Amino acid sequence: MNGGLSFLTDERTLLGTGRRRRCHRMPGTDLCVKFYHRDDALPPDTRLTTRLTIAWGRICRLANVNYREWRYLQRLKRQIPADLAAVFPEHTEPVHCPDRGWGIIETVILNADGTPPRKAADELKVQVLRNPQIGRALYDAIEQLFKRFVAHGICFFDPSNILVQWTGPETFRLRIADFEPSCRALLPGLSRINFYVRCKVRRRATRYLRRLDAILNGARHAPPVPSLQRVSILRRLALDSGLMM
């Protein structure tokens, strides 16, 4: 596989870019591959700490976000229901490139007509004008997905990366292709603590749902969206420890 990555220099295969990574379609397959940006291709305002993290990640496999994503997904798919695991790419595998470090190969997520899916907020903006009922169904599906993420303690901290994949004229699935199971935290290792993960996902979800609710109902008149069943810290600790049901 390492010898077949020459397409990474072909901009025609580029599917998308983020602040740290870029994704290319692998010609002749239904796969894509993500690597860190080259140092000279990082956005000019990239922080020094981010640059150092990327540089270290090219050398150290366990510090590489692509490798960590692959490893976390393998573990996650053994622990959660199959229908929830289907939100993520069907196939993932790590790949190493001498000058780019570790990357991740995964199944490309496309709509039934072959077009790339939109992010949920962008799709909702379209549907509230085109078909309000589908817009409402989309919002409800996202809300339910977050509840399941919280219940299972899934380390998904960037709600804006949820995609809407159209499987038919009026049928869709929620998908996630860009997934980094780590987060910036005051103390290292907090993303391994179930209670912390649930609280953080719930907080991010509530904030994102408010944004979607404003799109759905109109920014001026949108009432605030209630949090996902707020529970006291003591009760949550008891639930997580198995002392309460």
Protein backbone atom coordinates (compact mmCIF):
# COMPACT_ATOMS: atom_id res chain seq x y z
CA MET A 1 0.00 0.00 0.00
CA ASN A 2 2.82 2.40 0.82
CA GLY A 3 4.05 2.44 -2.76
CA GLY A 4 0.65 3.37 -4.14
CA LEU A 5 0.19 6.80 -2.56
CA SER A 6 1.43 8.94 -5.45
CA PHE A 7 -2.13 10.25 -5.93
CA LEU A 8 -1.69 12.35 -2.76
CA THR A 9 0.01 15.00 -4.89
CA ASP A 10 -2.93 15.10 -7.33
CA GLU A 11 -5.39 17.81 -6.28
CA ARG A 12 -8.09 16.11 -8.38
CA THR A 13 -8.31 13.35 -5.76
CA LEU A 14 -8.74 15.80 -2.87
CA LEU A 15 -12.05 15.33 -1.06
CA GLY A 16 -11.60 17.83 1.75
CA THR A 17 -9.27 19.52 4.18
CA GLY A 18 -9.35 20.49 7.84
CA ARG A 19 -7.01 22.47 10.01
CA ARG A 20 -4.73 19.49 10.59
CA ARG A 21 -5.62 16.84 8.00
CA ARG A 22 -6.48 16.39 4.35
CA CYS A 23 -8.48 13.57 2.74
CA HIS A 24 -7.89 12.09 -0.72
CA ARG A 25 -9.97 9.62 -2.74
CA MET A 26 -8.03 6.50 -3.65
CA PRO A 27 -8.45 6.11 -7.43
CA GLY A 28 -10.40 3.07 -8.61
CA THR A 29 -11.72 2.21 -5.14
CA ASP A 30 -14.49 3.17 -2.74
CA LEU A 31 -11.85 4.23 -0.20
CA CYS A 32 -10.18 7.45 0.88
CA VAL A 33 -7.11 8.18 2.99
CA LYS A 34 -6.40 10.91 5.55
CA PHE A 35 -2.98 12.25 6.48
CA TYR A 36 -1.69 15.27 8.33
CA HIS A 37 -1.01 18.33 6.18
CA ARG A 38 2.58 18.81 5.20
CA ASP A 39 4.28 21.40 7.41
CA ASP A 40 4.34 23.97 4.61
CA ALA A 41 0.61 23.41 3.91
CA LEU A 42 -0.67 24.10 7.42
CA PRO A 43 -2.80 27.26 7.80
CA PRO A 44 -0.59 30.28 8.61
CA ASP A 45 -2.32 30.84 11.97
CA THR A 46 -1.70 27.27 13.17
CA ARG A 47 -0.50 27.33 16.76
CA LEU A 48 3.01 26.25 17.61
CA THR A 49 1.66 23.58 19.96
CA THR A 50 -0.41 22.12 17.10
CA ARG A 51 2.62 22.10 14.80
CA LEU A 52 4.66 20.32 17.45
CA THR A 53 1.86 17.79 18.04
CA ILE A 54 1.72 17.02 14.31
CA ALA A 55 5.51 16.74 14.07
CA TRP A 56 5.56 14.30 16.99
CA GLY A 57 2.60 12.39 15.55
CA ARG A 58 4.51 11.73 12.32
CA ILE A 59 7.18 9.96 14.35
CA CYS A 60 5.24 8.37 17.19
CA ARG A 61 2.39 6.11 16.14
CA LEU A 62 0.55 6.34 19.47
CA ALA A 63 0.58 10.16 19.29
CA ASN A 64 -0.81 10.21 15.74
CA VAL A 65 -4.49 11.19 15.57
CA ASN A 66 -5.10 9.00 12.50
CA TYR A 67 -3.77 5.90 14.24
CA ARG A 68 -5.63 6.72 17.44
CA GLU A 69 -8.86 7.15 15.45
CA TRP A 70 -8.44 3.73 13.87
CA ARG A 71 -7.61 2.03 17.18
CA TYR A 72 -10.53 3.68 19.00
CA LEU A 73 -13.00 2.73 16.26
CA GLN A 74 -11.89 -0.90 16.39
CA ARG A 75 -12.55 -1.01 20.11
CA LEU A 76 -15.76 0.98 19.84
CA LYS A 77 -17.33 -1.32 17.26
CA ARG A 78 -16.89 -4.26 19.62
CA GLN A 79 -18.72 -2.44 22.41
CA ILE A 80 -21.71 -0.68 20.85
CA PRO A 81 -24.79 -1.93 18.93
CA ALA A 82 -24.28 -2.59 15.22
CA ASP A 83 -26.78 0.08 14.14
CA LEU A 84 -24.89 2.71 16.14
CA ALA A 85 -21.51 1.51 14.83
CA ALA A 86 -22.92 1.92 11.29
CA VAL A 87 -22.73 5.69 11.77
CA PHE A 88 -18.96 5.41 11.25
CA PRO A 89 -17.15 4.26 8.08
CA GLU A 90 -17.65 0.56 7.31
CA HIS A 91 -13.95 -0.12 6.77
CA THR A 92 -10.90 1.49 8.37
CA GLU A 93 -7.23 0.53 8.44
CA PRO A 94 -3.98 2.30 9.30
CA VAL A 95 -1.37 3.05 6.65
CA HIS A 96 2.16 4.40 6.90
CA CYS A 97 3.89 6.74 4.48
CA PRO A 98 7.62 7.47 5.04
CA ASP A 99 7.33 11.23 4.53
CA ARG A 100 3.80 11.75 5.93
CA GLY A 101 3.72 9.42 8.90
CA TRP A 102 0.62 7.44 9.82
CA GLY A 103 -2.68 7.87 8.02
CA ILE A 104 -6.05 6.15 8.04
CA ILE A 105 -7.81 4.49 5.09
CA GLU A 106 -11.59 4.35 5.29
CA THR A 107 -14.69 3.85 3.20
CA VAL A 108 -15.84 6.95 1.32
CA ILE A 109 -19.27 8.15 2.43
CA LEU A 110 -21.40 9.25 -0.53
CA ASN A 111 -25.07 9.81 -1.23
CA ALA A 112 -27.00 7.27 -3.31
CA ASP A 113 -26.50 9.46 -6.38
CA GLY A 114 -22.73 9.60 -5.87
CA THR A 115 -22.58 13.17 -4.56
CA PRO A 116 -20.79 14.03 -1.31
CA PRO A 117 -23.03 14.42 1.76
CA ARG A 118 -23.55 17.79 3.40
CA LYS A 119 -22.90 18.57 7.03
CA ALA A 120 -26.05 18.38 9.14
CA ALA A 121 -26.42 22.12 9.73
CA ASP A 122 -26.05 22.88 6.02
CA GLU A 123 -28.53 20.15 5.07
CA LEU A 124 -31.03 21.42 7.63
CA LYS A 125 -30.88 24.90 6.09
CA VAL A 126 -31.87 23.35 2.76
CA GLN A 127 -34.62 21.12 4.13
CA VAL A 128 -36.42 23.77 6.21
CA LEU A 129 -37.17 25.51 2.92
CA ARG A 130 -37.61 22.47 0.70
CA ASN A 131 -39.38 20.00 3.00
CA PRO A 132 -40.02 21.09 6.62
CA GLN A 133 -41.15 17.59 7.63
CA ILE A 134 -37.81 16.12 6.63
CA GLY A 135 -36.12 19.03 8.39
CA ARG A 136 -37.95 18.12 11.60
CA ALA A 137 -37.09 14.43 11.17
CA LEU A 138 -33.44 15.33 10.64
CA TYR A 139 -33.34 17.37 13.84
CA ASP A 140 -35.01 14.56 15.82
CA ALA A 141 -32.55 11.99 14.42
CA ILE A 142 -29.57 14.10 15.46
CA GLU A 143 -31.01 14.60 18.95
CA GLN A 144 -31.50 10.85 19.35
CA LEU A 145 -27.98 10.15 18.09
CA PHE A 146 -26.52 12.45 20.73
CA LYS A 147 -28.53 10.73 23.46
CA ARG A 148 -27.08 7.39 22.38
CA PHE A 149 -23.56 8.82 22.28
CA VAL A 150 -24.01 10.08 25.83
CA ALA A 151 -25.46 6.77 27.00
CA HIS A 152 -22.52 4.81 25.57
CA GLY A 153 -19.87 7.38 26.52
CA ILE A 154 -18.61 7.76 22.94
CA CYS A 155 -15.77 10.27 22.57
CA PHE A 156 -17.34 12.42 19.86
CA PHE A 157 -16.63 16.05 20.61
CA ASP A 158 -17.22 17.87 17.32
CA PRO A 159 -20.96 17.79 16.45
CA SER A 160 -20.42 19.96 13.38
CA ASN A 161 -18.84 16.91 11.68
CA ILE A 162 -22.12 14.98 11.48
CA LEU A 163 -23.01 14.27 7.82
CA VAL A 164 -26.38 13.54 6.23
CA GLN A 165 -26.14 10.69 3.72
CA TRP A 166 -29.14 10.39 1.39
CA THR A 167 -30.01 6.76 0.69
CA GLY A 168 -33.11 7.64 -1.35
CA PRO A 169 -35.22 10.65 -2.41
CA GLU A 170 -36.57 11.15 1.13
CA THR A 171 -34.52 8.74 3.26
CA PHE A 172 -31.26 9.52 4.99
CA ARG A 173 -28.67 8.22 7.45
CA LEU A 174 -26.50 10.18 9.82
CA ARG A 175 -22.81 9.48 9.28
CA ILE A 176 -19.49 10.56 10.77
CA ALA A 177 -16.30 10.52 8.71
CA ASP A 178 -14.10 13.02 10.54
CA PHE A 179 -13.66 11.64 14.03
CA GLU A 180 -10.94 12.46 16.55
CA PRO A 181 -11.54 10.60 19.82
CA SER A 182 -9.41 12.93 21.90
CA CYS A 183 -9.94 16.44 23.17
CA ARG A 184 -8.09 19.34 24.70
CA ALA A 185 -8.49 19.08 28.45
CA LEU A 186 -7.01 20.63 31.53
CA LEU A 187 -5.59 17.27 32.58
CA PRO A 188 -4.32 14.57 30.20
CA GLY A 189 -6.30 11.35 30.11
CA LEU A 190 -9.69 12.85 30.92
CA SER A 191 -11.14 11.42 27.69
CA ARG A 192 -10.65 7.97 29.26
CA ILE A 193 -13.01 8.81 32.14
CA ASN A 194 -16.58 7.83 31.24
CA PHE A 195 -18.22 10.42 33.46
CA TYR A 196 -16.14 13.25 31.97
CA VAL A 197 -16.82 12.08 28.40
CA ARG A 198 -20.57 11.92 28.98
CA CYS A 199 -20.67 15.39 30.49
CA LYS A 200 -18.58 16.87 27.70
CA VAL A 201 -20.59 15.21 24.91
CA ARG A 202 -23.85 16.31 26.57
CA ARG A 203 -22.62 19.90 26.81
CA ARG A 204 -21.42 20.02 23.20
CA ALA A 205 -24.65 18.37 22.00
CA THR A 206 -26.86 20.87 23.83
CA ARG A 207 -24.95 23.77 22.30
CA TYR A 208 -25.18 22.28 18.80
CA LEU A 209 -28.89 21.48 19.13
CA ARG A 210 -29.57 25.11 20.01
CA ARG A 211 -27.88 26.08 16.78
CA LEU A 212 -29.98 23.58 14.80
CA ASP A 213 -33.14 24.66 16.58
CA ALA A 214 -32.50 28.24 15.53
CA ILE A 215 -32.23 27.06 11.92
CA LEU A 216 -35.36 24.94 12.22
CA ASN A 217 -37.62 27.50 13.86
CA GLY A 218 -36.04 30.78 12.88
CA ALA A 219 -33.18 32.47 14.75
CA ARG A 220 -35.39 35.24 16.19
CA HIS A 221 -38.16 33.10 17.62
CA ALA A 222 -36.36 29.89 18.48
CA PRO A 223 -36.93 28.91 22.12
CA PRO A 224 -33.90 27.47 23.88
CA VAL A 225 -33.45 23.73 23.54
CA PRO A 226 -33.44 21.96 26.91
CA SER A 227 -30.33 20.05 27.85
CA LEU A 228 -30.24 16.30 27.35
CA GLN A 229 -31.89 15.24 30.65
CA ARG A 230 -29.73 17.04 33.17
CA VAL A 231 -28.80 14.87 36.13
CA SER A 232 -27.10 15.99 39.31
CA ILE A 233 -23.41 15.17 39.65
CA LEU A 234 -24.01 12.94 42.68
CA ARG A 235 -26.75 11.02 40.87
CA ARG A 236 -24.59 10.67 37.75
CA LEU A 237 -21.67 9.35 39.80
CA ALA A 238 -24.00 6.84 41.41
CA LEU A 239 -25.35 5.77 38.00
CA ASP A 240 -21.90 5.37 36.52
CA SER A 241 -20.69 3.35 39.48
CA GLY A 242 -23.71 1.04 39.32
CA LEU A 243 -25.12 2.10 42.69
CA MET A 244 -28.35 3.30 41.07
CA MET A 245 -30.41 2.14 38.12
